[in-house]
């Protein structure tokens, strides 16, 4: 994937206690891997994903996340803008945690009010 080396470098330099994976990210990645045919590539991705998930804490889905999810969906809907449910859920986790969302999808996520974004695939 484009930017993987830079993102991995940034992750390695980050304080692990400050990095959490929202459950919807875990679900999206698992889905993407499961869609692949059995292959060495799929096996590598599964191993890499298991390693990362084993090292990083999960951000649980809380009532605060649910409230922010509703806020994001309704706010963008009023503007006539669509957002995928998983993208809204991931952003809601970052807002609920008062954290920074690391994403390569900055263009779509920038529409969400008060959401702090970083793209670790870029230097």
PDB file of N, CA and C in Angstrom:
ATOM      1  N   UNK A   1       0.832  -1.176   0.000  1.00  0.00           N
ATOM      2  CA  UNK A   1       0.000   0.000   0.000  1.00  0.00           C
ATOM      3  C   UNK A   1       0.881   1.245   0.000  1.00  0.00           C
ATOM      4  N   UNK A   2       0.428   2.234  -0.705  1.00  0.00           N
ATOM      5  CA  UNK A   2       1.159   3.479  -0.795  1.00  0.00           C
ATOM      6  C   UNK A   2       1.261   4.117   0.589  1.00  0.00           C
ATOM      7  N   UNK A   3       2.468   4.521   0.960  1.00  0.00           N
ATOM      8  CA  UNK A   3       2.648   5.206   2.225  1.00  0.00           C
ATOM      9  C   UNK A   3       2.850   4.286   3.414  1.00  0.00           C
ATOM     10  N   UNK A   4       2.819   2.966   3.192  1.00  0.00           N
ATOM     11  CA  UNK A   4       2.963   2.026   4.304  1.00  0.00           C
ATOM     12  C   UNK A   4       4.239   2.245   5.099  1.00  0.00           C
ATOM     13  N   UNK A   5       5.361   2.402   4.415  1.00  0.00           N
ATOM     14  CA  UNK A   5       6.642   2.536   5.106  1.00  0.00           C
ATOM     15  C   UNK A   5       6.648   3.756   6.018  1.00  0.00           C
ATOM     16  N   UNK A   6       6.119   4.857   5.539  1.00  0.00           N
ATOM     17  CA  UNK A   6       6.077   6.086   6.338  1.00  0.00           C
ATOM     18  C   UNK A   6       5.134   5.896   7.524  1.00  0.00           C
ATOM     19  N   UNK A   7       3.971   5.312   7.284  1.00  0.00           N
ATOM     20  CA  UNK A   7       3.000   5.090   8.362  1.00  0.00           C
ATOM     21  C   UNK A   7       3.569   4.156   9.426  1.00  0.00           C
ATOM     22  N   UNK A   8       4.249   3.109   9.011  1.00  0.00           N
ATOM     23  CA  UNK A   8       4.853   2.167   9.955  1.00  0.00           C
ATOM     24  C   UNK A   8       5.935   2.859  10.772  1.00  0.00           C
ATOM     25  N   UNK A   9       6.708   3.706  10.120  1.00  0.00           N
ATOM     26  CA  UNK A   9       7.743   4.479  10.812  1.00  0.00           C
ATOM     27  C   UNK A   9       7.110   5.392  11.871  1.00  0.00           C
ATOM     28  N   UNK A  10       6.032   6.058  11.511  1.00  0.00           N
ATOM     29  CA  UNK A  10       5.345   6.957  12.453  1.00  0.00           C
ATOM     30  C   UNK A  10       4.754   6.165  13.618  1.00  0.00           C
ATOM     31  N   UNK A  11       4.169   5.012  13.323  1.00  0.00           N
ATOM     32  CA  UNK A  11       3.599   4.175  14.373  1.00  0.00           C
ATOM     33  C   UNK A  11       4.688   3.699  15.330  1.00  0.00           C
ATOM     34  N   UNK A  12       5.826   3.307  14.784  1.00  0.00           N
ATOM     35  CA  UNK A  12       6.933   2.835  15.615  1.00  0.00           C
ATOM     36  C   UNK A  12       7.433   3.937  16.551  1.00  0.00           C
ATOM     37  N   UNK A  13       7.367   5.180  16.097  1.00  0.00           N
ATOM     38  CA  UNK A  13       7.846   6.309  16.900  1.00  0.00           C
ATOM     39  C   UNK A  13       6.812   6.796  17.917  1.00  0.00           C
ATOM     40  N   UNK A  14       5.562   6.402  17.741  1.00  0.00           N
ATOM     41  CA  UNK A  14       4.485   6.879  18.620  1.00  0.00           C
ATOM     42  C   UNK A  14       4.510   6.156  19.964  1.00  0.00           C
ATOM     43  N   UNK A  15       4.030   6.846  20.980  1.00  0.00           N
ATOM     44  CA  UNK A  15       3.847   6.233  22.287  1.00  0.00           C
ATOM     45  C   UNK A  15       2.647   5.291  22.184  1.00  0.00           C
ATOM     46  N   UNK A  16       2.863   4.001  22.392  1.00  0.00           N
ATOM     47  CA  UNK A  16       1.801   3.003  22.224  1.00  0.00           C
ATOM     48  C   UNK A  16       0.572   3.314  23.089  1.00  0.00           C
ATOM     49  N   UNK A  17       0.788   3.929  24.243  1.00  0.00           N
ATOM     50  CA  UNK A  17      -0.339   4.258  25.127  1.00  0.00           C
ATOM     51  C   UNK A  17      -1.247   5.317  24.511  1.00  0.00           C
ATOM     52  N   UNK A  18      -0.730   6.057  23.538  1.00  0.00           N
ATOM     53  CA  UNK A  18      -1.507   7.120  22.896  1.00  0.00           C
ATOM     54  C   UNK A  18      -2.224   6.658  21.631  1.00  0.00           C
ATOM     55  N   UNK A  19      -1.976   5.430  21.200  1.00  0.00           N
ATOM     56  CA  UNK A  19      -2.538   4.936  19.940  1.00  0.00           C
ATOM     57  C   UNK A  19      -3.574   3.858  20.249  1.00  0.00           C
ATOM     58  N   UNK A  20      -4.778   4.068  19.730  1.00  0.00           N
ATOM     59  CA  UNK A  20      -5.857   3.092  19.917  1.00  0.00           C
ATOM     60  C   UNK A  20      -6.539   2.855  18.578  1.00  0.00           C
ATOM     61  N   UNK A  21      -6.976   1.626  18.368  1.00  0.00           N
ATOM     62  CA  UNK A  21      -7.670   1.276  17.133  1.00  0.00           C
ATOM     63  C   UNK A  21      -9.167   1.217  17.411  1.00  0.00           C
ATOM     64  N   UNK A  22      -9.959   2.063  16.739  1.00  0.00           N
ATOM     65  CA  UNK A  22     -11.414   1.969  16.905  1.00  0.00           C
ATOM     66  C   UNK A  22     -11.925   0.628  16.367  1.00  0.00           C
ATOM     67  N   UNK A  23     -12.898   0.052  17.045  1.00  0.00           N
ATOM     68  CA  UNK A  23     -13.448  -1.238  16.616  1.00  0.00           C
ATOM     69  C   UNK A  23     -13.902  -1.242  15.156  1.00  0.00           C
ATOM     70  N   UNK A  24     -14.493  -0.157  14.627  1.00  0.00           N
ATOM     71  CA  UNK A  24     -14.872  -0.191  13.208  1.00  0.00           C
ATOM     72  C   UNK A  24     -13.673  -0.338  12.267  1.00  0.00           C
ATOM     73  N   UNK A  25     -12.506   0.138  12.678  1.00  0.00           N
ATOM     74  CA  UNK A  25     -11.303  -0.045  11.854  1.00  0.00           C
ATOM     75  C   UNK A  25     -10.933  -1.523  11.831  1.00  0.00           C
ATOM     76  N   UNK A  26     -10.991  -2.159  12.988  1.00  0.00           N
ATOM     77  CA  UNK A  26     -10.710  -3.596  13.063  1.00  0.00           C
ATOM     78  C   UNK A  26     -11.659  -4.351  12.130  1.00  0.00           C
ATOM     79  N   UNK A  27     -12.940  -4.003  12.170  1.00  0.00           N
ATOM     80  CA  UNK A  27     -13.940  -4.669  11.328  1.00  0.00           C
ATOM     81  C   UNK A  27     -13.679  -4.432   9.844  1.00  0.00           C
ATOM     82  N   UNK A  28     -13.360  -3.195   9.471  1.00  0.00           N
ATOM     83  CA  UNK A  28     -13.107  -2.891   8.054  1.00  0.00           C
ATOM     84  C   UNK A  28     -11.897  -3.646   7.522  1.00  0.00           C
ATOM     85  N   UNK A  29     -10.832  -3.691   8.311  1.00  0.00           N
ATOM     86  CA  UNK A  29      -9.624  -4.388   7.863  1.00  0.00           C
ATOM     87  C   UNK A  29      -9.883  -5.891   7.782  1.00  0.00           C
ATOM     88  N   UNK A  30     -10.566  -6.436   8.775  1.00  0.00           N
ATOM     89  CA  UNK A  30     -10.896  -7.868   8.742  1.00  0.00           C
ATOM     90  C   UNK A  30     -11.716  -8.200   7.497  1.00  0.00           C
ATOM     91  N   UNK A  31     -12.671  -7.352   7.178  1.00  0.00           N
ATOM     92  CA  UNK A  31     -13.492  -7.554   5.982  1.00  0.00           C
ATOM     93  C   UNK A  31     -12.627  -7.517   4.720  1.00  0.00           C
ATOM     94  N   UNK A  32     -11.754  -6.534   4.628  1.00  0.00           N
ATOM     95  CA  UNK A  32     -10.885  -6.422   3.458  1.00  0.00           C
ATOM     96  C   UNK A  32     -10.001  -7.641   3.275  1.00  0.00           C
ATOM     97  N   UNK A  33      -9.463  -8.136   4.363  1.00  0.00           N
ATOM     98  CA  UNK A  33      -8.611  -9.324   4.294  1.00  0.00           C
ATOM     99  C   UNK A  33      -9.436 -10.550   3.902  1.00  0.00           C
ATOM    100  N   UNK A  34     -10.615 -10.706   4.485  1.00  0.00           N
ATOM    101  CA  UNK A  34     -11.455 -11.868   4.197  1.00  0.00           C
ATOM    102  C   UNK A  34     -11.928 -11.911   2.747  1.00  0.00           C
ATOM    103  N   UNK A  35     -11.984 -10.764   2.111  1.00  0.00           N
ATOM    104  CA  UNK A  35     -12.413 -10.716   0.708  1.00  0.00           C
ATOM    105  C   UNK A  35     -11.338 -11.238  -0.239  1.00  0.00           C
ATOM    106  N   UNK A  36     -10.093 -11.244   0.213  1.00  0.00           N
ATOM    107  CA  UNK A  36      -8.992 -11.681  -0.647  1.00  0.00           C
ATOM    108  C   UNK A  36      -9.007 -13.196  -0.821  1.00  0.00           C
ATOM    109  N   UNK A  37      -8.592 -13.657  -1.998  1.00  0.00           N
ATOM    110  CA  UNK A  37      -8.463 -15.105  -2.174  1.00  0.00           C
ATOM    111  C   UNK A  37      -7.285 -15.615  -1.336  1.00  0.00           C
ATOM    112  N   UNK A  38      -7.322 -16.893  -0.995  1.00  0.00           N
ATOM    113  CA  UNK A  38      -6.212 -17.491  -0.258  1.00  0.00           C
ATOM    114  C   UNK A  38      -4.936 -17.285  -1.065  1.00  0.00           C
ATOM    115  N   UNK A  39      -3.949 -16.677  -0.430  1.00  0.00           N
ATOM    116  CA  UNK A  39      -2.690 -16.386  -1.117  1.00  0.00           C
ATOM    117  C   UNK A  39      -1.638 -16.007  -0.089  1.00  0.00           C
ATOM    118  N   UNK A  40      -0.401 -15.909  -0.553  1.00  0.00           N
ATOM    119  CA  UNK A  40       0.679 -15.464   0.332  1.00  0.00           C
ATOM    120  C   UNK A  40       0.439 -14.021   0.767  1.00  0.00           C
ATOM    121  N   UNK A  41      -0.098 -13.222  -0.132  1.00  0.00           N
ATOM    122  CA  UNK A  41      -0.390 -11.819   0.208  1.00  0.00           C
ATOM    123  C   UNK A  41      -1.408 -11.747   1.344  1.00  0.00           C
ATOM    124  N   UNK A  42      -2.474 -12.530   1.214  1.00  0.00           N
ATOM    125  CA  UNK A  42      -3.498 -12.537   2.271  1.00  0.00           C
ATOM    126  C   UNK A  42      -2.892 -13.002   3.588  1.00  0.00           C
ATOM    127  N   UNK A  43      -2.086 -14.028   3.536  1.00  0.00           N
ATOM    128  CA  UNK A  43      -1.454 -14.545   4.752  1.00  0.00           C
ATOM    129  C   UNK A  43      -0.564 -13.481   5.389  1.00  0.00           C
ATOM    130  N   UNK A  44       0.219 -12.762   4.575  1.00  0.00           N
ATOM    131  CA  UNK A  44       1.079 -11.679   5.093  1.00  0.00           C
ATOM    132  C   UNK A  44       0.244 -10.591   5.755  1.00  0.00           C
ATOM    133  N   UNK A  45      -0.852 -10.212   5.094  1.00  0.00           N
ATOM    134  CA  UNK A  45      -1.719  -9.172   5.655  1.00  0.00           C
ATOM    135  C   UNK A  45      -2.362  -9.626   6.964  1.00  0.00           C
ATOM    136  N   UNK A  46      -2.793 -10.881   7.012  1.00  0.00           N
ATOM    137  CA  UNK A  46      -3.379 -11.411   8.254  1.00  0.00           C
ATOM    138  C   UNK A  46      -2.360 -11.385   9.388  1.00  0.00           C
ATOM    139  N   UNK A  47      -1.136 -11.798   9.095  1.00  0.00           N
ATOM    140  CA  UNK A  47      -0.087 -11.815  10.118  1.00  0.00           C
ATOM    141  C   UNK A  47       0.242 -10.402  10.589  1.00  0.00           C
ATOM    142  N   UNK A  48       0.343  -9.493   9.656  1.00  0.00           N
ATOM    143  CA  UNK A  48       0.647  -8.097   9.985  1.00  0.00           C
ATOM    144  C   UNK A  48      -0.469  -7.487  10.827  1.00  0.00           C
ATOM    145  N   UNK A  49      -1.702  -7.750  10.421  1.00  0.00           N
ATOM    146  CA  UNK A  49      -2.855  -7.224  11.140  1.00  0.00           C
ATOM    147  C   UNK A  49      -2.922  -7.802  12.555  1.00  0.00           C
ATOM    148  N   UNK A  50      -2.706  -9.106  12.691  1.00  0.00           N
ATOM    149  CA  UNK A  50      -2.704  -9.737  14.013  1.00  0.00           C
ATOM    150  C   UNK A  50      -1.628  -9.132  14.907  1.00  0.00           C
ATOM    151  N   UNK A  51      -0.470  -8.859  14.337  1.00  0.00           N
ATOM    152  CA  UNK A  51       0.631  -8.265  15.091  1.00  0.00           C
ATOM    153  C   UNK A  51       0.258  -6.868  15.589  1.00  0.00           C
ATOM    154  N   UNK A  52      -0.265  -6.056  14.698  1.00  0.00           N
ATOM    155  CA  UNK A  52      -0.649  -4.688  15.073  1.00  0.00           C
ATOM    156  C   UNK A  52      -1.764  -4.713  16.114  1.00  0.00           C
ATOM    157  N   UNK A  53      -2.768  -5.548  15.899  1.00  0.00           N
ATOM    158  CA  UNK A  53      -3.888  -5.629  16.850  1.00  0.00           C
ATOM    159  C   UNK A  53      -3.433  -6.157  18.205  1.00  0.00           C
ATOM    160  N   UNK A  54      -2.431  -7.003  18.204  1.00  0.00           N
ATOM    161  CA  UNK A  54      -1.904  -7.526  19.461  1.00  0.00           C
ATOM    162  C   UNK A  54      -1.140  -6.490  20.259  1.00  0.00           C
ATOM    163  N   UNK A  55      -0.599  -5.495  19.578  1.00  0.00           N
ATOM    164  CA  UNK A  55       0.217  -4.477  20.243  1.00  0.00           C
ATOM    165  C   UNK A  55      -0.564  -3.243  20.663  1.00  0.00           C
ATOM    166  N   UNK A  56      -1.677  -2.975  20.008  1.00  0.00           N
ATOM    167  CA  UNK A  56      -2.400  -1.727  20.256  1.00  0.00           C
ATOM    168  C   UNK A  56      -3.742  -1.975  20.935  1.00  0.00           C
ATOM    169  N   UNK A  57      -4.102  -1.053  21.812  1.00  0.00           N
ATOM    170  CA  UNK A  57      -5.394  -1.133  22.504  1.00  0.00           C
ATOM    171  C   UNK A  57      -6.522  -0.779  21.545  1.00  0.00           C
ATOM    172  N   UNK A  58      -7.708  -1.263  21.829  1.00  0.00           N
ATOM    173  CA  UNK A  58      -8.903  -0.923  21.049  1.00  0.00           C
ATOM    174  C   UNK A  58      -9.622   0.239  21.719  1.00  0.00           C
ATOM    175  N   UNK A  59     -10.244   1.052  20.906  1.00  0.00           N
ATOM    176  CA  UNK A  59     -11.137   2.101  21.405  1.00  0.00           C
ATOM    177  C   UNK A  59     -12.538   1.511  21.368  1.00  0.00           C
ATOM    178  N   UNK A  60     -13.156   1.281  22.518  1.00  0.00           N
ATOM    179  CA  UNK A  60     -14.471   0.642  22.546  1.00  0.00           C
ATOM    180  C   UNK A  60     -15.580   1.564  22.060  1.00  0.00           C
ATOM    181  N   UNK A  61     -16.675   0.953  21.657  1.00  0.00           N
ATOM    182  CA  UNK A  61     -17.845   1.722  21.238  1.00  0.00           C
ATOM    183  C   UNK A  61     -18.638   2.059  22.501  1.00  0.00           C
ATOM    184  N   UNK A  62     -18.640   3.328  22.869  1.00  0.00           N
ATOM    185  CA  UNK A  62     -19.311   3.793  24.085  1.00  0.00           C
ATOM    186  C   UNK A  62     -20.534   4.632  23.720  1.00  0.00           C
ATOM    187  N   UNK A  63     -21.287   5.043  24.737  1.00  0.00           N
ATOM    188  CA  UNK A  63     -22.421   5.941  24.502  1.00  0.00           C
ATOM    189  C   UNK A  63     -21.947   7.252  23.885  1.00  0.00           C
ATOM    190  N   UNK A  64     -20.787   7.721  24.312  1.00  0.00           N
ATOM    191  CA  UNK A  64     -20.231   8.959  23.768  1.00  0.00           C
ATOM    192  C   UNK A  64     -19.946   8.814  22.271  1.00  0.00           C
ATOM    193  N   UNK A  65     -19.440   7.662  21.875  1.00  0.00           N
ATOM    194  CA  UNK A  65     -19.198   7.398  20.447  1.00  0.00           C
ATOM    195  C   UNK A  65     -20.529   7.415  19.697  1.00  0.00           C
ATOM    196  N   UNK A  66     -21.540   6.780  20.258  1.00  0.00           N
ATOM    197  CA  UNK A  66     -22.860   6.741  19.611  1.00  0.00           C
ATOM    198  C   UNK A  66     -23.432   8.140  19.426  1.00  0.00           C
ATOM    199  N   UNK A  67     -23.308   8.980  20.438  1.00  0.00           N
ATOM    200  CA  UNK A  67     -23.809  10.355  20.344  1.00  0.00           C
ATOM    201  C   UNK A  67     -23.082  11.127  19.246  1.00  0.00           C
ATOM    202  N   UNK A  68     -21.783  10.962  19.178  1.00  0.00           N
ATOM    203  CA  UNK A  68     -21.005  11.673  18.161  1.00  0.00           C
ATOM    204  C   UNK A  68     -21.276  11.125  16.761  1.00  0.00           C
ATOM    205  N   UNK A  69     -21.510   9.826  16.674  1.00  0.00           N
ATOM    206  CA  UNK A  69     -21.892   9.226  15.399  1.00  0.00           C
ATOM    207  C   UNK A  69     -23.168   9.889  14.881  1.00  0.00           C
ATOM    208  N   UNK A  70     -24.168   9.991  15.741  1.00  0.00           N
ATOM    209  CA  UNK A  70     -25.421  10.641  15.349  1.00  0.00           C
ATOM    210  C   UNK A  70     -25.210  12.086  14.937  1.00  0.00           C
ATOM    211  N   UNK A  71     -24.369  12.802  15.672  1.00  0.00           N
ATOM    212  CA  UNK A  71     -24.056  14.197  15.359  1.00  0.00           C
ATOM    213  C   UNK A  71     -23.420  14.318  13.970  1.00  0.00           C
ATOM    214  N   UNK A  72     -22.437  13.461  13.703  1.00  0.00           N
ATOM    215  CA  UNK A  72     -21.728  13.512  12.418  1.00  0.00           C
ATOM    216  C   UNK A  72     -22.688  13.228  11.266  1.00  0.00           C
ATOM    217  N   UNK A  73     -23.435  12.133  11.368  1.00  0.00           N
ATOM    218  CA  UNK A  73     -24.351  11.763  10.287  1.00  0.00           C
ATOM    219  C   UNK A  73     -25.384  12.862  10.047  1.00  0.00           C
ATOM    220  N   UNK A  74     -25.992  13.384  11.118  1.00  0.00           N
ATOM    221  CA  UNK A  74     -27.035  14.408  10.981  1.00  0.00           C
ATOM    222  C   UNK A  74     -26.468  15.717  10.442  1.00  0.00           C
ATOM    223  N   UNK A  75     -25.294  16.109  10.923  1.00  0.00           N
ATOM    224  CA  UNK A  75     -24.678  17.364  10.473  1.00  0.00           C
ATOM    225  C   UNK A  75     -24.389  17.315   8.977  1.00  0.00           C
ATOM    226  N   UNK A  76     -23.775  16.234   8.528  1.00  0.00           N
ATOM    227  CA  UNK A  76     -23.440  16.130   7.108  1.00  0.00           C
ATOM    228  C   UNK A  76     -24.696  15.962   6.259  1.00  0.00           C
ATOM    229  N   UNK A  77     -25.669  15.233   6.768  1.00  0.00           N
ATOM    230  CA  UNK A  77     -26.931  15.056   6.040  1.00  0.00           C
ATOM    231  C   UNK A  77     -27.617  16.410   5.815  1.00  0.00           C
ATOM    232  N   UNK A  78     -27.614  17.259   6.838  1.00  0.00           N
ATOM    233  CA  UNK A  78     -28.227  18.595   6.702  1.00  0.00           C
ATOM    234  C   UNK A  78     -27.518  19.423   5.632  1.00  0.00           C
ATOM    235  N   UNK A  79     -26.240  19.150   5.424  1.00  0.00           N
ATOM    236  CA  UNK A  79     -25.468  19.857   4.394  1.00  0.00           C
ATOM    237  C   UNK A  79     -25.634  19.214   3.017  1.00  0.00           C
ATOM    238  N   UNK A  80     -26.365  18.120   2.968  1.00  0.00           N
ATOM    239  CA  UNK A  80     -26.526  17.407   1.706  1.00  0.00           C
ATOM    240  C   UNK A  80     -25.320  16.553   1.356  1.00  0.00           C
ATOM    241  N   UNK A  81     -24.533  16.188   2.361  1.00  0.00           N
ATOM    242  CA  UNK A  81     -23.320  15.393   2.149  1.00  0.00           C
ATOM    243  C   UNK A  81     -23.499  14.013   2.768  1.00  0.00           C
ATOM    244  N   UNK A  82     -23.118  12.996   1.998  1.00  0.00           N
ATOM    245  CA  UNK A  82     -23.169  11.620   2.498  1.00  0.00           C
ATOM    246  C   UNK A  82     -21.853  11.257   3.157  1.00  0.00           C
ATOM    247  N   UNK A  83     -21.931  10.360   4.118  1.00  0.00           N
ATOM    248  CA  UNK A  83     -20.729   9.758   4.694  1.00  0.00           C
ATOM    249  C   UNK A  83     -21.062   8.302   5.005  1.00  0.00           C
ATOM    250  N   UNK A  84     -20.153   7.432   4.692  1.00  0.00           N
ATOM    251  CA  UNK A  84     -20.351   6.013   4.982  1.00  0.00           C
ATOM    252  C   UNK A  84     -20.445   5.821   6.495  1.00  0.00           C
ATOM    253  N   UNK A  85     -21.255   4.862   6.909  1.00  0.00           N
ATOM    254  CA  UNK A  85     -21.436   4.619   8.339  1.00  0.00           C
ATOM    255  C   UNK A  85     -20.116   4.307   9.046  1.00  0.00           C
ATOM    256  N   UNK A  86     -19.285   3.485   8.426  1.00  0.00           N
ATOM    257  CA  UNK A  86     -18.023   3.141   9.076  1.00  0.00           C
ATOM    258  C   UNK A  86     -17.114   4.360   9.201  1.00  0.00           C
ATOM    259  N   UNK A  87     -17.085   5.225   8.200  1.00  0.00           N
ATOM    260  CA  UNK A  87     -16.279   6.445   8.298  1.00  0.00           C
ATOM    261  C   UNK A  87     -16.791   7.330   9.426  1.00  0.00           C
ATOM    262  N   UNK A  88     -18.106   7.460   9.534  1.00  0.00           N
ATOM    263  CA  UNK A  88     -18.690   8.260  10.617  1.00  0.00           C
ATOM    264  C   UNK A  88     -18.374   7.635  11.974  1.00  0.00           C
ATOM    265  N   UNK A  89     -18.424   6.325  12.055  1.00  0.00           N
ATOM    266  CA  UNK A  89     -18.133   5.637  13.319  1.00  0.00           C
ATOM    267  C   UNK A  89     -16.677   5.815  13.727  1.00  0.00           C
ATOM    268  N   UNK A  90     -15.781   5.724  12.765  1.00  0.00           N
ATOM    269  CA  UNK A  90     -14.361   5.904  13.057  1.00  0.00           C
ATOM    270  C   UNK A  90     -14.098   7.331  13.528  1.00  0.00           C
ATOM    271  N   UNK A  91     -14.674   8.295  12.841  1.00  0.00           N
ATOM    272  CA  UNK A  91     -14.525   9.698  13.244  1.00  0.00           C
ATOM    273  C   UNK A  91     -15.145   9.929  14.617  1.00  0.00           C
ATOM    274  N   UNK A  92     -16.274   9.293  14.887  1.00  0.00           N
ATOM    275  CA  UNK A  92     -16.941   9.442  16.186  1.00  0.00           C
ATOM    276  C   UNK A  92     -16.055   8.941  17.320  1.00  0.00           C
ATOM    277  N   UNK A  93     -15.322   7.871  17.075  1.00  0.00           N
ATOM    278  CA  UNK A  93     -14.387   7.374  18.090  1.00  0.00           C
ATOM    279  C   UNK A  93     -13.328   8.430  18.395  1.00  0.00           C
ATOM    280  N   UNK A  94     -12.763   9.033  17.357  1.00  0.00           N
ATOM    281  CA  UNK A  94     -11.727  10.053  17.569  1.00  0.00           C
ATOM    282  C   UNK A  94     -12.289  11.242  18.340  1.00  0.00           C
ATOM    283  N   UNK A  95     -13.484  11.686  17.983  1.00  0.00           N
ATOM    284  CA  UNK A  95     -14.101  12.813  18.692  1.00  0.00           C
ATOM    285  C   UNK A  95     -14.393  12.450  20.149  1.00  0.00           C
ATOM    286  N   UNK A  96     -14.911  11.257  20.384  1.00  0.00           N
ATOM    287  CA  UNK A  96     -15.250  10.834  21.746  1.00  0.00           C
ATOM    288  C   UNK A  96     -14.010  10.715  22.623  1.00  0.00           C
ATOM    289  N   UNK A  97     -12.897  10.334  22.018  1.00  0.00           N
ATOM    290  CA  UNK A  97     -11.645  10.175  22.758  1.00  0.00           C
ATOM    291  C   UNK A  97     -10.880  11.494  22.833  1.00  0.00           C
ATOM    292  N   UNK A  98     -11.417  12.530  22.180  1.00  0.00           N
ATOM    293  CA  UNK A  98     -10.727  13.816  22.075  1.00  0.00           C
ATOM    294  C   UNK A  98      -9.334  13.588  21.488  1.00  0.00           C
ATOM    295  N   UNK A  99      -9.300  12.726  20.460  1.00  0.00           N
ATOM    296  CA  UNK A  99      -8.037  12.327  19.873  1.00  0.00           C
ATOM    297  C   UNK A  99      -7.866  12.828  18.456  1.00  0.00           C
ATOM    298  N   UNK A 100      -6.800  12.357  17.844  1.00  0.00           N
ATOM    299  CA  UNK A 100      -6.469  12.688  16.462  1.00  0.00           C
ATOM    300  C   UNK A 100      -6.734  11.447  15.620  1.00  0.00           C
ATOM    301  N   UNK A 101      -7.434  11.622  14.517  1.00  0.00           N
ATOM    302  CA  UNK A 101      -7.709  10.520  13.608  1.00  0.00           C
ATOM    303  C   UNK A 101      -6.589  10.443  12.584  1.00  0.00           C
ATOM    304  N   UNK A 102      -5.915   9.302  12.549  1.00  0.00           N
ATOM    305  CA  UNK A 102      -4.875   9.067  11.550  1.00  0.00           C
ATOM    306  C   UNK A 102      -5.551   8.394  10.368  1.00  0.00           C
ATOM    307  N   UNK A 103      -5.513   9.055   9.210  1.00  0.00           N
ATOM    308  CA  UNK A 103      -6.221   8.548   8.035  1.00  0.00           C
ATOM    309  C   UNK A 103      -5.574   9.043   6.754  1.00  0.00           C
ATOM    310  N   UNK A 104      -5.720   8.269   5.705  1.00  0.00           N
ATOM    311  CA  UNK A 104      -5.333   8.723   4.367  1.00  0.00           C
ATOM    312  C   UNK A 104      -6.559   9.291   3.656  1.00  0.00           C
ATOM    313  N   UNK A 105      -7.695   9.281   4.339  1.00  0.00           N
ATOM    314  CA  UNK A 105      -8.964   9.749   3.794  1.00  0.00           C
ATOM    315  C   UNK A 105      -9.266  11.161   4.317  1.00  0.00           C
ATOM    316  N   UNK A 106      -8.270  12.010   4.312  1.00  0.00           N
ATOM    317  CA  UNK A 106      -8.413  13.352   4.867  1.00  0.00           C
ATOM    318  C   UNK A 106      -9.450  14.207   4.178  1.00  0.00           C
ATOM    319  N   UNK A 107      -9.599  14.034   2.878  1.00  0.00           N
ATOM    320  CA  UNK A 107     -10.554  14.852   2.126  1.00  0.00           C
ATOM    321  C   UNK A 107     -11.976  14.657   2.652  1.00  0.00           C
ATOM    322  N   UNK A 108     -12.396  13.407   2.822  1.00  0.00           N
ATOM    323  CA  UNK A 108     -13.744  13.135   3.326  1.00  0.00           C
ATOM    324  C   UNK A 108     -13.870  13.488   4.808  1.00  0.00           C
ATOM    325  N   UNK A 109     -12.864  13.157   5.583  1.00  0.00           N
ATOM    326  CA  UNK A 109     -12.932  13.383   7.022  1.00  0.00           C
ATOM    327  C   UNK A 109     -12.858  14.867   7.385  1.00  0.00           C
ATOM    328  N   UNK A 110     -12.273  15.669   6.525  1.00  0.00           N
ATOM    329  CA  UNK A 110     -12.150  17.111   6.795  1.00  0.00           C
ATOM    330  C   UNK A 110     -13.511  17.799   6.862  1.00  0.00           C
ATOM    331  N   UNK A 111     -14.538  17.162   6.366  1.00  0.00           N
ATOM    332  CA  UNK A 111     -15.890  17.739   6.406  1.00  0.00           C
ATOM    333  C   UNK A 111     -16.503  17.673   7.800  1.00  0.00           C
ATOM    334  N   UNK A 112     -15.901  16.915   8.683  1.00  0.00           N
ATOM    335  CA  UNK A 112     -16.473  16.689  10.012  1.00  0.00           C
ATOM    336  C   UNK A 112     -15.975  17.766  10.977  1.00  0.00           C
ATOM    337  N   UNK A 113     -16.893  18.544  11.535  1.00  0.00           N
ATOM    338  CA  UNK A 113     -16.497  19.625  12.444  1.00  0.00           C
ATOM    339  C   UNK A 113     -15.722  19.117  13.661  1.00  0.00           C
ATOM    340  N   UNK A 114     -14.698  19.859  14.020  1.00  0.00           N
ATOM    341  CA  UNK A 114     -13.883  19.629  15.225  1.00  0.00           C
ATOM    342  C   UNK A 114     -13.059  18.341  15.196  1.00  0.00           C
ATOM    343  N   UNK A 115     -12.955  17.687  14.054  1.00  0.00           N
ATOM    344  CA  UNK A 115     -12.181  16.451  13.968  1.00  0.00           C
ATOM    345  C   UNK A 115     -10.732  16.776  13.610  1.00  0.00           C
ATOM    346  N   UNK A 116      -9.805  16.384  14.481  1.00  0.00           N
ATOM    347  CA  UNK A 116      -8.373  16.562  14.216  1.00  0.00           C
ATOM    348  C   UNK A 116      -7.888  15.373  13.387  1.00  0.00           C
ATOM    349  N   UNK A 117      -7.170  15.675  12.297  1.00  0.00           N
ATOM    350  CA  UNK A 117      -6.749  14.639  11.346  1.00  0.00           C
ATOM    351  C   UNK A 117      -5.245  14.733  11.097  1.00  0.00           C
ATOM    352  N   UNK A 118      -4.603  13.565  10.963  1.00  0.00           N
ATOM    353  CA  UNK A 118      -3.212  13.475  10.512  1.00  0.00           C
ATOM    354  C   UNK A 118      -3.130  12.366   9.474  1.00  0.00           C
ATOM    355  N   UNK A 119      -2.303  12.582   8.460  1.00  0.00           N
ATOM    356  CA  UNK A 119      -2.053  11.563   7.439  1.00  0.00           C
ATOM    357  C   UNK A 119      -0.637  11.049   7.647  1.00  0.00           C
ATOM    358  N   UNK A 120      -0.508   9.865   8.204  1.00  0.00           N
ATOM    359  CA  UNK A 120       0.807   9.302   8.484  1.00  0.00           C
ATOM    360  C   UNK A 120       1.452   8.684   7.252  1.00  0.00           C
ATOM    361  N   UNK A 121       0.764   8.656   6.144  1.00  0.00           N
ATOM    362  CA  UNK A 121       1.349   8.124   4.914  1.00  0.00           C
ATOM    363  C   UNK A 121       2.212   9.182   4.228  1.00  0.00           C
ATOM    364  N   UNK A 122       2.120  10.414   4.697  1.00  0.00           N
ATOM    365  CA  UNK A 122       2.915  11.511   4.125  1.00  0.00           C
ATOM    366  C   UNK A 122       3.954  11.972   5.128  1.00  0.00           C
ATOM    367  N   UNK A 123       5.042  12.419   4.617  1.00  0.00           N
ATOM    368  CA  UNK A 123       6.107  12.959   5.491  1.00  0.00           C
ATOM    369  C   UNK A 123       5.825  14.393   5.816  1.00  0.00           C
TER     370      UNK A 123
END
